[in-house]
């Protein structure tokens, strides 16, 4: 069940079916091990990118020229070193990272101790998160169907935030990203079946993302907590 406005954009008709952990999106951006001067290495806030794009991991070291090691957290294999970079004169460091697949990835920055430093400890930042979405075409629906039951048994109302998908089980949680905005919604219906779209958003979900036409979004499914 669906009706949406049409548009001229056509891209990526496939849907994301990867199962990924639902991570806390509120990563802290300051803190970490405190350096002798009272400052600590930081890492910038979480970010969202579409698959095929590069993520830019930035932060601030405790001193100019400090050697910073950017690590990707892996619960099975342990930290994976993404890059080592020197902080600039403004103490900022920047690392470009290109993901190999979709998902949610956690990073932290570790400022390596200087060989001649009295203390052998390193200063480490808290973790930040990069969510990589699969591009797909999405439409939206609602008016004309309010008051009816969806294929998943829910009453469709103007306030229902959800998505329709052809195969994902009802209740599957999906992270949707569009034009700099992101939401998490559940599969509540079946569809779409037109416009080459992979997802159909309820009107409330579309409003939250400010999606008003058929357009390309980013989507990734989330494993239950």
N, C-alpha and C. Protein backbone atom coordinates (compact mmCIF):
# COMPACT_ATOMS: atom_id res chain seq x y z
N UNK A 1 0.83 -1.17 0.00
CA UNK A 1 0.00 0.00 0.00
C UNK A 1 0.87 1.22 0.00
N UNK A 2 0.62 2.12 -1.00
CA UNK A 2 1.45 3.30 -1.07
C UNK A 2 0.94 4.25 -2.11
N UNK A 3 1.22 5.49 -1.94
CA UNK A 3 1.06 6.52 -2.93
C UNK A 3 2.07 7.58 -2.62
N UNK A 4 2.83 8.04 -3.59
CA UNK A 4 3.82 9.06 -3.33
C UNK A 4 3.91 9.98 -4.52
N UNK A 5 4.51 11.13 -4.29
CA UNK A 5 4.78 12.03 -5.39
C UNK A 5 5.93 11.47 -6.20
N UNK A 6 5.96 11.77 -7.47
CA UNK A 6 7.05 11.28 -8.31
C UNK A 6 8.06 12.37 -8.53
N UNK A 7 9.26 11.99 -8.90
CA UNK A 7 10.33 12.93 -9.18
C UNK A 7 11.18 12.37 -10.28
N UNK A 8 12.19 13.11 -10.66
CA UNK A 8 13.01 12.72 -11.80
C UNK A 8 14.26 11.98 -11.40
N UNK A 9 14.48 11.79 -10.14
CA UNK A 9 15.70 11.11 -9.69
C UNK A 9 15.52 9.61 -9.80
N UNK A 10 16.55 8.93 -10.35
CA UNK A 10 16.55 7.47 -10.39
C UNK A 10 17.93 6.99 -10.04
N UNK A 11 18.06 6.21 -8.97
CA UNK A 11 19.36 5.69 -8.57
C UNK A 11 19.18 4.59 -7.56
N UNK A 12 20.00 3.57 -7.66
CA UNK A 12 20.11 2.53 -6.66
C UNK A 12 18.76 1.97 -6.20
N UNK A 13 18.31 0.93 -6.85
CA UNK A 13 17.03 0.36 -6.48
C UNK A 13 17.16 -0.73 -5.43
N UNK A 14 18.36 -1.05 -4.99
CA UNK A 14 18.55 -2.14 -4.03
C UNK A 14 18.31 -1.66 -2.61
N UNK A 15 17.95 -2.58 -1.73
CA UNK A 15 17.71 -2.26 -0.33
C UNK A 15 18.79 -2.87 0.53
N UNK A 16 19.03 -2.24 1.69
CA UNK A 16 20.05 -2.74 2.61
C UNK A 16 19.45 -3.80 3.50
N UNK A 17 20.08 -4.97 3.58
CA UNK A 17 19.58 -6.04 4.44
C UNK A 17 20.64 -6.51 5.42
N UNK A 18 21.70 -5.74 5.60
CA UNK A 18 22.73 -6.13 6.57
C UNK A 18 22.18 -5.98 7.97
N UNK A 19 22.59 -6.87 8.86
CA UNK A 19 22.14 -6.82 10.26
C UNK A 19 23.25 -6.24 11.09
N UNK A 20 22.97 -5.11 11.75
CA UNK A 20 24.01 -4.38 12.43
C UNK A 20 23.57 -4.04 13.84
N UNK A 21 24.53 -3.91 14.76
CA UNK A 21 24.17 -3.60 16.14
C UNK A 21 23.63 -2.19 16.27
N UNK A 22 22.66 -2.01 17.13
CA UNK A 22 22.14 -0.68 17.40
C UNK A 22 23.04 -0.02 18.42
N UNK A 23 23.82 0.95 17.95
CA UNK A 23 24.81 1.59 18.82
C UNK A 23 24.26 2.89 19.36
N UNK A 24 24.87 3.36 20.42
CA UNK A 24 24.49 4.63 21.01
C UNK A 24 25.02 5.74 20.14
N UNK A 25 24.13 6.57 19.61
CA UNK A 25 24.54 7.61 18.67
C UNK A 25 25.04 8.86 19.38
N UNK A 26 25.05 8.89 20.68
CA UNK A 26 25.46 10.09 21.41
C UNK A 26 26.87 9.95 21.94
N UNK A 27 27.82 9.80 21.03
CA UNK A 27 29.21 9.64 21.44
C UNK A 27 29.74 10.95 22.02
N UNK A 28 30.51 10.86 23.09
CA UNK A 28 31.10 12.04 23.70
C UNK A 28 32.24 12.55 22.83
N UNK A 29 32.42 13.87 22.79
CA UNK A 29 33.42 14.43 21.89
C UNK A 29 34.61 15.03 22.62
N UNK A 30 34.57 15.07 23.93
CA UNK A 30 35.73 15.58 24.65
C UNK A 30 36.04 14.64 25.80
N UNK A 31 37.22 14.76 26.32
CA UNK A 31 37.61 13.91 27.44
C UNK A 31 38.82 13.09 27.10
N UNK A 32 38.89 11.85 27.61
CA UNK A 32 40.04 11.00 27.36
C UNK A 32 41.03 11.11 28.48
N UNK A 33 42.17 10.45 28.29
CA UNK A 33 43.21 10.51 29.30
C UNK A 33 43.82 11.90 29.34
N UNK A 34 43.96 12.44 30.50
CA UNK A 34 44.43 13.80 30.64
C UNK A 34 45.95 13.85 30.56
N UNK A 35 46.46 14.72 29.72
CA UNK A 35 47.90 14.90 29.55
C UNK A 35 48.45 15.69 30.72
N UNK A 36 49.79 15.69 30.88
CA UNK A 36 50.40 16.41 32.02
C UNK A 36 50.01 17.87 32.10
N UNK A 37 49.69 18.52 30.96
CA UNK A 37 49.34 19.93 31.00
C UNK A 37 47.86 20.14 31.28
N UNK A 38 47.13 19.06 31.56
CA UNK A 38 45.72 19.18 31.88
C UNK A 38 44.80 19.07 30.69
N UNK A 39 45.33 18.99 29.48
CA UNK A 39 44.51 18.87 28.29
C UNK A 39 44.39 17.41 27.89
N UNK A 40 43.43 17.09 27.03
CA UNK A 40 43.24 15.72 26.57
C UNK A 40 42.98 15.71 25.07
N UNK A 41 43.30 14.59 24.43
CA UNK A 41 43.06 14.45 23.01
C UNK A 41 41.55 14.26 22.79
N UNK A 42 41.01 14.86 21.75
CA UNK A 42 39.58 14.79 21.46
C UNK A 42 39.35 14.21 20.07
N UNK A 43 38.10 13.83 19.80
CA UNK A 43 37.70 13.37 18.48
C UNK A 43 36.33 13.98 18.20
N UNK A 44 36.08 14.37 16.95
CA UNK A 44 34.87 15.11 16.60
C UNK A 44 33.62 14.23 16.67
N UNK A 45 32.44 14.85 16.62
CA UNK A 45 31.18 14.12 16.83
C UNK A 45 30.92 13.04 15.79
N UNK A 46 29.91 12.18 16.04
CA UNK A 46 29.53 11.15 15.07
C UNK A 46 29.13 11.77 13.73
N UNK A 47 29.24 10.99 12.67
CA UNK A 47 28.86 11.48 11.36
C UNK A 47 28.22 10.37 10.53
N UNK A 48 27.48 10.78 9.50
CA UNK A 48 26.79 9.87 8.62
C UNK A 48 27.30 10.07 7.20
N UNK A 49 27.58 8.97 6.50
CA UNK A 49 28.02 9.05 5.11
C UNK A 49 27.32 7.96 4.30
N UNK A 50 27.19 8.18 3.01
CA UNK A 50 26.68 7.15 2.11
C UNK A 50 27.82 6.28 1.65
N UNK A 51 27.51 5.00 1.40
CA UNK A 51 28.55 4.09 0.91
C UNK A 51 29.13 4.64 -0.39
N UNK A 52 30.45 4.64 -0.50
CA UNK A 52 31.14 5.22 -1.65
C UNK A 52 31.74 6.57 -1.33
N UNK A 53 31.26 7.21 -0.25
CA UNK A 53 31.83 8.47 0.19
C UNK A 53 32.93 8.22 1.23
N UNK A 54 33.75 9.23 1.44
CA UNK A 54 34.78 9.14 2.47
C UNK A 54 34.31 9.84 3.73
N UNK A 55 34.66 9.27 4.85
CA UNK A 55 34.43 9.92 6.13
C UNK A 55 35.72 10.64 6.54
N UNK A 56 35.59 11.76 7.18
CA UNK A 56 36.74 12.52 7.65
C UNK A 56 36.73 12.53 9.17
N UNK A 57 37.72 11.91 9.75
CA UNK A 57 37.83 11.81 11.21
C UNK A 57 38.79 12.90 11.68
N UNK A 58 38.29 13.77 12.53
CA UNK A 58 39.06 14.92 12.99
C UNK A 58 39.06 14.99 14.51
N UNK A 59 39.98 15.78 15.02
CA UNK A 59 40.01 16.01 16.45
C UNK A 59 41.16 16.94 16.79
N UNK A 60 41.45 17.02 18.09
CA UNK A 60 42.51 17.91 18.56
C UNK A 60 43.42 17.15 19.51
N UNK A 61 44.72 17.28 19.27
CA UNK A 61 45.73 16.64 20.12
C UNK A 61 46.07 17.58 21.28
N UNK A 62 46.91 17.11 22.17
CA UNK A 62 47.28 17.93 23.33
C UNK A 62 48.39 18.93 23.01
N UNK A 63 49.07 18.72 21.88
CA UNK A 63 50.16 19.63 21.53
C UNK A 63 50.40 19.60 20.03
N UNK A 64 50.97 20.66 19.51
CA UNK A 64 51.31 20.72 18.09
C UNK A 64 52.36 19.66 17.77
N UNK A 65 52.18 18.99 16.64
CA UNK A 65 53.15 17.99 16.21
C UNK A 65 53.03 16.65 16.90
N UNK A 66 52.05 16.49 17.77
CA UNK A 66 51.88 15.21 18.45
C UNK A 66 51.50 14.12 17.45
N UNK A 67 51.98 12.90 17.69
CA UNK A 67 51.66 11.77 16.83
C UNK A 67 50.35 11.13 17.32
N UNK A 68 49.34 11.13 16.43
CA UNK A 68 48.02 10.61 16.79
C UNK A 68 47.75 9.34 15.98
N UNK A 69 47.32 8.32 16.68
CA UNK A 69 46.96 7.05 16.05
C UNK A 69 45.44 6.92 16.09
N UNK A 70 44.82 6.82 14.92
CA UNK A 70 43.37 6.66 14.83
C UNK A 70 43.06 5.18 14.71
N UNK A 71 42.23 4.67 15.62
CA UNK A 71 41.92 3.24 15.69
C UNK A 71 40.43 3.00 15.46
N UNK A 72 40.13 1.94 14.74
CA UNK A 72 38.75 1.47 14.61
C UNK A 72 38.53 0.36 15.64
N UNK A 73 37.50 0.49 16.44
CA UNK A 73 37.21 -0.51 17.46
C UNK A 73 36.57 -1.74 16.85
N UNK A 74 37.06 -2.90 17.24
CA UNK A 74 36.52 -4.17 16.75
C UNK A 74 36.41 -5.10 17.95
N UNK A 75 35.19 -5.49 18.30
CA UNK A 75 34.98 -6.31 19.49
C UNK A 75 35.60 -7.69 19.38
N UNK A 76 35.79 -8.19 18.18
CA UNK A 76 36.34 -9.53 17.99
C UNK A 76 37.86 -9.53 17.83
N UNK A 77 38.37 -8.59 17.07
CA UNK A 77 39.81 -8.59 16.78
C UNK A 77 40.59 -7.56 17.57
N UNK A 78 39.91 -6.68 18.28
CA UNK A 78 40.61 -5.63 18.98
C UNK A 78 40.79 -4.41 18.09
N UNK A 79 41.46 -3.37 18.58
CA UNK A 79 41.61 -2.14 17.80
C UNK A 79 42.36 -2.37 16.48
N UNK A 80 41.88 -1.72 15.43
CA UNK A 80 42.52 -1.78 14.11
C UNK A 80 43.05 -0.39 13.80
N UNK A 81 44.33 -0.27 13.55
CA UNK A 81 44.94 1.04 13.27
C UNK A 81 44.53 1.47 11.87
N UNK A 82 43.86 2.61 11.78
CA UNK A 82 43.44 3.17 10.50
C UNK A 82 44.53 4.05 9.91
N UNK A 83 45.15 4.87 10.75
CA UNK A 83 46.20 5.77 10.27
C UNK A 83 46.95 6.36 11.45
N UNK A 84 48.16 6.83 11.17
CA UNK A 84 48.93 7.63 12.11
C UNK A 84 49.19 8.97 11.45
N UNK A 85 48.98 10.05 12.20
CA UNK A 85 49.10 11.38 11.60
C UNK A 85 49.65 12.35 12.63
N UNK A 86 50.38 13.35 12.16
CA UNK A 86 50.92 14.39 13.04
C UNK A 86 49.91 15.53 13.15
N UNK A 87 49.71 16.00 14.35
CA UNK A 87 48.84 17.16 14.55
C UNK A 87 49.54 18.40 14.01
N UNK A 88 48.75 19.33 13.51
CA UNK A 88 49.30 20.55 12.97
C UNK A 88 49.64 21.57 14.05
N UNK A 89 50.02 22.78 13.60
CA UNK A 89 50.38 23.83 14.54
C UNK A 89 49.21 24.23 15.42
N UNK A 90 47.98 24.02 14.92
CA UNK A 90 46.79 24.35 15.70
C UNK A 90 46.31 23.17 16.55
N UNK A 91 47.12 22.12 16.61
CA UNK A 91 46.86 20.89 17.35
C UNK A 91 45.78 20.02 16.72
N UNK A 92 45.25 20.40 15.56
CA UNK A 92 44.22 19.61 14.91
C UNK A 92 44.85 18.50 14.07
N UNK A 93 44.15 17.37 13.99
CA UNK A 93 44.57 16.28 13.11
C UNK A 93 43.37 15.87 12.24
N UNK A 94 43.63 15.33 11.05
CA UNK A 94 42.58 14.94 10.11
C UNK A 94 42.98 13.65 9.43
N UNK A 95 42.06 12.69 9.38
CA UNK A 95 42.29 11.42 8.70
C UNK A 95 41.09 11.12 7.80
N UNK A 96 41.33 10.83 6.54
CA UNK A 96 40.27 10.43 5.62
C UNK A 96 40.15 8.92 5.64
N UNK A 97 38.92 8.42 5.75
CA UNK A 97 38.67 6.99 5.83
C UNK A 97 37.57 6.61 4.87
N UNK A 98 37.83 5.62 4.01
CA UNK A 98 36.83 5.15 3.06
C UNK A 98 36.34 3.77 3.48
N UNK A 99 35.07 3.64 3.84
CA UNK A 99 34.56 2.34 4.30
C UNK A 99 34.47 1.32 3.17
N UNK A 100 34.65 0.06 3.52
CA UNK A 100 34.56 -1.03 2.54
C UNK A 100 33.18 -1.66 2.51
N UNK A 101 32.35 -1.37 3.50
CA UNK A 101 30.99 -1.90 3.51
C UNK A 101 30.14 -1.01 4.42
N UNK A 102 28.83 -1.23 4.39
CA UNK A 102 27.93 -0.43 5.20
C UNK A 102 27.97 -0.90 6.64
N UNK A 103 27.46 -0.08 7.53
CA UNK A 103 27.40 -0.45 8.94
C UNK A 103 27.69 0.73 9.83
N UNK A 104 27.82 0.43 11.12
CA UNK A 104 28.20 1.43 12.11
C UNK A 104 29.59 1.08 12.63
N UNK A 105 30.47 2.05 12.64
CA UNK A 105 31.86 1.84 13.00
C UNK A 105 32.26 2.81 14.10
N UNK A 106 33.05 2.32 15.04
CA UNK A 106 33.49 3.12 16.17
C UNK A 106 34.98 3.42 16.06
N UNK A 107 35.34 4.65 16.39
CA UNK A 107 36.74 5.08 16.30
C UNK A 107 37.15 5.82 17.56
N UNK A 108 38.44 5.78 17.82
CA UNK A 108 39.00 6.64 18.85
C UNK A 108 40.38 7.08 18.39
N UNK A 109 40.85 8.16 18.97
CA UNK A 109 42.18 8.68 18.66
C UNK A 109 43.08 8.49 19.87
N UNK A 110 44.28 7.99 19.63
CA UNK A 110 45.25 7.75 20.70
C UNK A 110 46.49 8.59 20.40
N UNK A 111 46.83 9.44 21.33
CA UNK A 111 48.04 10.23 21.17
C UNK A 111 49.20 9.44 21.77
N UNK A 112 50.12 9.07 20.91
CA UNK A 112 51.22 8.21 21.34
C UNK A 112 52.23 9.00 22.16
N UNK A 113 52.71 8.37 23.22
CA UNK A 113 53.69 9.02 24.09
C UNK A 113 55.01 9.18 23.35
N UNK A 114 55.69 10.28 23.61
CA UNK A 114 57.00 10.50 23.00
C UNK A 114 58.04 9.60 23.67
N UNK A 115 58.98 9.09 22.88
CA UNK A 115 59.95 8.12 23.43
C UNK A 115 60.68 8.63 24.66
N UNK A 116 60.97 9.89 24.71
CA UNK A 116 61.77 10.41 25.82
C UNK A 116 60.90 11.00 26.94
N UNK A 117 59.58 10.86 26.79
CA UNK A 117 58.68 11.41 27.81
C UNK A 117 58.85 10.64 29.12
N UNK A 118 58.69 11.32 30.24
CA UNK A 118 58.84 10.66 31.53
C UNK A 118 57.75 9.61 31.74
N UNK A 119 56.55 9.90 31.28
CA UNK A 119 55.45 8.96 31.43
C UNK A 119 55.28 8.16 30.16
N UNK A 120 55.08 6.84 30.29
CA UNK A 120 54.93 5.99 29.11
C UNK A 120 53.48 5.84 28.69
N UNK A 121 52.57 6.51 29.40
CA UNK A 121 51.16 6.37 29.08
C UNK A 121 50.79 7.21 27.86
N UNK A 122 49.73 6.80 27.15
CA UNK A 122 49.23 7.52 26.00
C UNK A 122 47.93 8.20 26.38
N UNK A 123 47.64 9.30 25.69
CA UNK A 123 46.38 10.00 25.88
C UNK A 123 45.40 9.51 24.84
N UNK A 124 44.20 9.06 25.25
CA UNK A 124 43.22 8.50 24.33
C UNK A 124 41.90 9.26 24.43
N UNK A 125 41.24 9.41 23.30
CA UNK A 125 39.94 10.08 23.26
C UNK A 125 38.83 9.08 23.55
N UNK A 126 37.62 9.57 23.83
CA UNK A 126 36.46 8.67 23.84
C UNK A 126 36.21 8.19 22.41
N UNK A 127 35.23 7.32 22.25
CA UNK A 127 34.92 6.84 20.91
C UNK A 127 33.92 7.76 20.21
N UNK A 128 34.02 7.79 18.89
CA UNK A 128 33.01 8.43 18.08
C UNK A 128 32.52 7.39 17.07
N UNK A 129 31.46 7.71 16.36
CA UNK A 129 30.81 6.72 15.50
C UNK A 129 30.63 7.26 14.09
N UNK A 130 30.87 6.40 13.11
CA UNK A 130 30.58 6.72 11.71
C UNK A 130 29.56 5.68 11.22
N UNK A 131 28.41 6.15 10.74
CA UNK A 131 27.40 5.26 10.19
C UNK A 131 27.45 5.36 8.67
N UNK A 132 27.61 4.21 8.02
CA UNK A 132 27.70 4.16 6.56
C UNK A 132 26.40 3.55 6.03
N UNK A 133 25.69 4.31 5.23
CA UNK A 133 24.38 3.90 4.72
C UNK A 133 24.48 3.45 3.26
N UNK A 134 23.61 2.50 2.90
CA UNK A 134 23.50 2.07 1.52
C UNK A 134 22.54 3.01 0.79
N UNK A 135 22.96 3.62 -0.33
CA UNK A 135 22.04 4.48 -1.08
C UNK A 135 20.89 3.67 -1.66
N UNK A 136 19.70 4.22 -1.62
CA UNK A 136 18.52 3.57 -2.17
C UNK A 136 17.46 4.63 -2.46
N UNK A 137 16.53 4.32 -3.33
CA UNK A 137 15.45 5.24 -3.66
C UNK A 137 14.29 5.02 -2.69
N UNK A 138 13.71 6.13 -2.21
CA UNK A 138 12.59 6.06 -1.29
C UNK A 138 11.46 6.96 -1.75
N UNK A 139 10.23 6.53 -1.47
CA UNK A 139 9.05 7.34 -1.67
C UNK A 139 8.37 7.54 -0.31
N UNK A 140 7.21 8.17 -0.31
CA UNK A 140 6.47 8.32 0.95
C UNK A 140 4.97 8.19 0.67
N UNK A 141 4.20 7.87 1.70
CA UNK A 141 2.77 7.68 1.54
C UNK A 141 2.05 8.00 2.84
N UNK A 142 0.72 8.05 2.78
CA UNK A 142 -0.07 8.33 3.97
C UNK A 142 -1.46 8.84 3.64
N UNK A 143 -1.58 10.09 3.14
CA UNK A 143 -2.90 10.63 2.84
C UNK A 143 -3.71 9.69 1.93
N UNK A 144 -4.94 9.46 2.30
CA UNK A 144 -5.79 8.54 1.55
C UNK A 144 -5.82 7.15 2.14
N UNK A 145 -4.87 6.85 3.02
CA UNK A 145 -4.79 5.52 3.64
C UNK A 145 -4.96 5.58 5.16
N UNK A 146 -5.08 6.77 5.72
CA UNK A 146 -5.20 6.89 7.17
C UNK A 146 -6.46 6.17 7.66
N UNK A 147 -6.29 5.50 8.79
CA UNK A 147 -7.39 4.75 9.36
C UNK A 147 -7.39 3.29 8.96
N UNK A 148 -6.56 2.92 7.99
CA UNK A 148 -6.48 1.53 7.57
C UNK A 148 -5.37 0.81 8.33
N UNK A 149 -5.44 -0.50 8.34
CA UNK A 149 -4.39 -1.31 8.95
C UNK A 149 -3.29 -1.56 7.94
N UNK A 150 -2.04 -1.45 8.40
CA UNK A 150 -0.91 -1.77 7.52
C UNK A 150 -0.75 -3.27 7.42
N UNK A 151 0.13 -3.72 6.55
CA UNK A 151 0.38 -5.16 6.41
C UNK A 151 0.96 -5.76 7.67
N UNK A 152 1.50 -4.95 8.54
CA UNK A 152 2.04 -5.43 9.82
C UNK A 152 1.05 -5.28 10.96
N UNK A 153 -0.18 -4.87 10.62
CA UNK A 153 -1.24 -4.82 11.63
C UNK A 153 -1.36 -3.54 12.40
N UNK A 154 -0.61 -2.51 12.05
CA UNK A 154 -0.69 -1.24 12.77
C UNK A 154 -1.71 -0.32 12.10
N UNK A 155 -2.30 0.54 12.89
CA UNK A 155 -3.25 1.52 12.37
C UNK A 155 -2.45 2.69 11.80
N UNK A 156 -2.65 2.96 10.52
CA UNK A 156 -1.90 4.04 9.88
C UNK A 156 -2.52 5.38 10.27
N UNK A 157 -1.74 6.18 10.97
CA UNK A 157 -2.15 7.53 11.38
C UNK A 157 -1.14 8.54 10.87
N UNK A 158 -1.51 9.81 10.85
CA UNK A 158 -0.57 10.84 10.40
C UNK A 158 0.69 10.92 11.25
N UNK A 159 0.63 10.41 12.49
CA UNK A 159 1.77 10.49 13.41
C UNK A 159 2.63 9.23 13.42
N UNK A 160 2.24 8.20 12.66
CA UNK A 160 3.00 6.93 12.69
C UNK A 160 4.32 7.10 11.94
N UNK A 161 5.42 6.93 12.65
CA UNK A 161 6.75 6.97 12.04
C UNK A 161 7.16 5.54 11.72
N UNK A 162 7.28 5.23 10.45
CA UNK A 162 7.64 3.87 10.04
C UNK A 162 8.04 3.83 8.58
N UNK A 163 8.41 2.64 8.14
CA UNK A 163 8.79 2.44 6.74
C UNK A 163 8.13 1.18 6.22
N UNK A 164 7.94 1.13 4.92
CA UNK A 164 7.45 -0.07 4.26
C UNK A 164 8.59 -0.67 3.46
N UNK A 165 8.68 -2.01 3.49
CA UNK A 165 9.70 -2.72 2.74
C UNK A 165 9.10 -4.02 2.23
N UNK A 166 9.60 -4.51 1.11
CA UNK A 166 8.98 -5.68 0.50
C UNK A 166 9.27 -6.97 1.24
N UNK A 167 10.45 -7.11 1.88
CA UNK A 167 10.84 -8.40 2.44
C UNK A 167 11.27 -8.37 3.90
N UNK A 168 11.71 -7.25 4.44
CA UNK A 168 12.19 -7.22 5.83
C UNK A 168 11.05 -7.54 6.79
N UNK A 169 11.32 -8.32 7.84
CA UNK A 169 10.27 -8.66 8.81
C UNK A 169 9.67 -7.42 9.46
N UNK A 170 8.38 -7.51 9.79
CA UNK A 170 7.73 -6.42 10.50
C UNK A 170 8.47 -6.16 11.82
N UNK A 171 8.63 -4.91 12.15
CA UNK A 171 9.31 -4.54 13.39
C UNK A 171 10.81 -4.33 13.25
N UNK A 172 11.39 -4.71 12.10
CA UNK A 172 12.82 -4.48 11.89
C UNK A 172 13.13 -2.99 12.00
N UNK A 173 14.13 -2.66 12.79
CA UNK A 173 14.51 -1.26 12.96
C UNK A 173 15.50 -0.86 11.87
N UNK A 174 15.26 0.31 11.29
CA UNK A 174 16.03 0.79 10.15
C UNK A 174 16.48 2.22 10.41
N UNK A 175 17.76 2.48 10.21
CA UNK A 175 18.28 3.85 10.28
C UNK A 175 18.19 4.45 8.88
N UNK A 176 17.57 5.62 8.78
CA UNK A 176 17.39 6.30 7.50
C UNK A 176 18.10 7.64 7.57
N UNK A 177 18.84 7.97 6.51
CA UNK A 177 19.59 9.23 6.44
C UNK A 177 19.21 9.95 5.16
N UNK A 178 18.94 11.26 5.29
CA UNK A 178 18.58 12.05 4.12
C UNK A 178 18.90 13.52 4.36
N UNK A 179 19.65 14.10 3.46
CA UNK A 179 19.93 15.55 3.47
C UNK A 179 20.41 16.04 4.83
N UNK A 180 21.30 15.27 5.44
CA UNK A 180 21.88 15.69 6.71
C UNK A 180 21.07 15.34 7.93
N UNK A 181 19.94 14.68 7.76
CA UNK A 181 19.10 14.29 8.88
C UNK A 181 19.01 12.77 8.96
N UNK A 182 18.86 12.24 10.16
CA UNK A 182 18.79 10.80 10.36
C UNK A 182 17.69 10.46 11.36
N UNK A 183 16.99 9.36 11.11
CA UNK A 183 16.00 8.85 12.06
C UNK A 183 16.14 7.33 12.13
N UNK A 184 15.56 6.73 13.16
CA UNK A 184 15.44 5.29 13.26
C UNK A 184 13.95 4.97 13.29
N UNK A 185 13.49 4.11 12.37
CA UNK A 185 12.08 3.76 12.28
C UNK A 185 11.95 2.25 12.12
N UNK A 186 10.77 1.73 12.37
CA UNK A 186 10.51 0.30 12.25
C UNK A 186 9.74 0.00 10.97
N UNK A 187 9.91 -1.22 10.44
CA UNK A 187 9.12 -1.67 9.30
C UNK A 187 7.69 -1.91 9.78
N UNK A 188 6.74 -1.20 9.17
CA UNK A 188 5.34 -1.29 9.59
C UNK A 188 4.42 -1.74 8.46
N UNK A 189 4.97 -1.87 7.23
CA UNK A 189 4.10 -2.14 6.09
C UNK A 189 4.89 -2.80 4.97
N UNK A 190 4.19 -3.22 3.94
CA UNK A 190 4.81 -3.81 2.76
C UNK A 190 4.77 -2.82 1.61
N UNK A 191 5.76 -2.90 0.74
CA UNK A 191 5.91 -1.99 -0.38
C UNK A 191 7.33 -1.46 -0.37
N UNK A 192 7.65 -0.53 -1.26
CA UNK A 192 6.82 0.02 -2.33
C UNK A 192 6.84 -0.87 -3.58
N UNK A 193 5.97 -0.56 -4.51
CA UNK A 193 5.86 -1.37 -5.72
C UNK A 193 5.88 -0.51 -6.99
N UNK A 194 6.43 0.69 -6.90
CA UNK A 194 6.49 1.57 -8.06
C UNK A 194 7.68 2.51 -7.94
N UNK A 195 7.95 3.22 -9.02
CA UNK A 195 8.99 4.25 -9.08
C UNK A 195 10.41 3.71 -8.86
N UNK A 196 10.57 2.38 -8.93
CA UNK A 196 11.90 1.80 -8.73
C UNK A 196 12.42 2.01 -7.33
N UNK A 197 11.53 2.21 -6.38
CA UNK A 197 11.94 2.50 -5.01
C UNK A 197 12.12 1.23 -4.19
N UNK A 198 13.00 1.31 -3.21
CA UNK A 198 13.26 0.19 -2.30
C UNK A 198 12.58 0.40 -0.96
N UNK A 199 12.25 1.65 -0.61
CA UNK A 199 11.66 1.98 0.68
C UNK A 199 10.47 2.90 0.47
N UNK A 200 9.49 2.79 1.34
CA UNK A 200 8.35 3.69 1.36
C UNK A 200 8.21 4.21 2.79
N UNK A 201 8.32 5.50 2.97
CA UNK A 201 8.27 6.11 4.29
C UNK A 201 6.85 6.60 4.59
N UNK A 202 6.41 6.44 5.83
CA UNK A 202 5.14 7.05 6.21
C UNK A 202 5.31 8.56 6.17
N UNK A 203 4.20 9.27 6.11
CA UNK A 203 4.26 10.73 6.01
C UNK A 203 5.00 11.33 7.20
N UNK A 204 4.81 10.76 8.39
CA UNK A 204 5.49 11.30 9.57
C UNK A 204 7.00 11.10 9.48
N UNK A 205 7.42 9.94 8.97
CA UNK A 205 8.86 9.71 8.79
C UNK A 205 9.42 10.64 7.74
N UNK A 206 8.68 10.85 6.65
CA UNK A 206 9.13 11.76 5.60
C UNK A 206 9.25 13.18 6.12
N UNK A 207 8.29 13.60 6.95
CA UNK A 207 8.36 14.95 7.51
C UNK A 207 9.58 15.11 8.40
N UNK A 208 9.88 14.08 9.18
CA UNK A 208 11.04 14.17 10.08
C UNK A 208 12.34 14.35 9.30
N UNK A 209 12.38 13.78 8.09
CA UNK A 209 13.57 13.90 7.25
C UNK A 209 13.47 15.04 6.25
N UNK A 210 12.29 15.67 6.18
CA UNK A 210 12.00 16.72 5.19
C UNK A 210 12.12 16.18 3.77
N UNK A 211 11.64 14.97 3.60
CA UNK A 211 11.58 14.35 2.28
C UNK A 211 10.19 14.59 1.72
N UNK A 212 10.10 15.24 0.56
CA UNK A 212 8.80 15.58 -0.01
C UNK A 212 8.58 14.97 -1.39
N UNK A 213 9.62 14.35 -1.97
CA UNK A 213 9.52 13.75 -3.29
C UNK A 213 10.23 12.41 -3.28
N UNK A 214 10.05 11.62 -4.33
CA UNK A 214 10.85 10.41 -4.48
C UNK A 214 12.31 10.82 -4.65
N UNK A 215 13.17 10.27 -3.83
CA UNK A 215 14.57 10.72 -3.85
C UNK A 215 15.47 9.63 -3.30
N UNK A 216 16.76 9.83 -3.42
CA UNK A 216 17.73 8.88 -2.90
C UNK A 216 17.99 9.15 -1.43
N UNK A 217 17.93 8.11 -0.63
CA UNK A 217 18.23 8.19 0.79
C UNK A 217 19.38 7.23 1.09
N UNK A 218 19.77 7.15 2.36
CA UNK A 218 20.67 6.10 2.83
C UNK A 218 19.93 5.27 3.85
N UNK A 219 20.12 3.96 3.83
CA UNK A 219 19.40 3.10 4.76
C UNK A 219 20.31 1.98 5.23
N UNK A 220 20.13 1.58 6.49
CA UNK A 220 20.85 0.44 7.04
C UNK A 220 19.97 -0.17 8.14
N UNK A 221 19.81 -1.49 8.12
CA UNK A 221 19.00 -2.16 9.12
C UNK A 221 19.80 -2.36 10.39
N UNK A 222 19.11 -2.41 11.52
CA UNK A 222 19.74 -2.50 12.82
C UNK A 222 19.29 -3.77 13.54
N UNK A 223 20.25 -4.45 14.15
CA UNK A 223 19.92 -5.63 14.94
C UNK A 223 19.30 -5.18 16.26
N UNK A 224 18.33 -5.91 16.80
CA UNK A 224 17.74 -5.52 18.08
C UNK A 224 18.79 -5.41 19.17
N UNK A 225 18.51 -4.62 20.18
CA UNK A 225 19.45 -4.42 21.30
C UNK A 225 19.69 -5.75 22.02
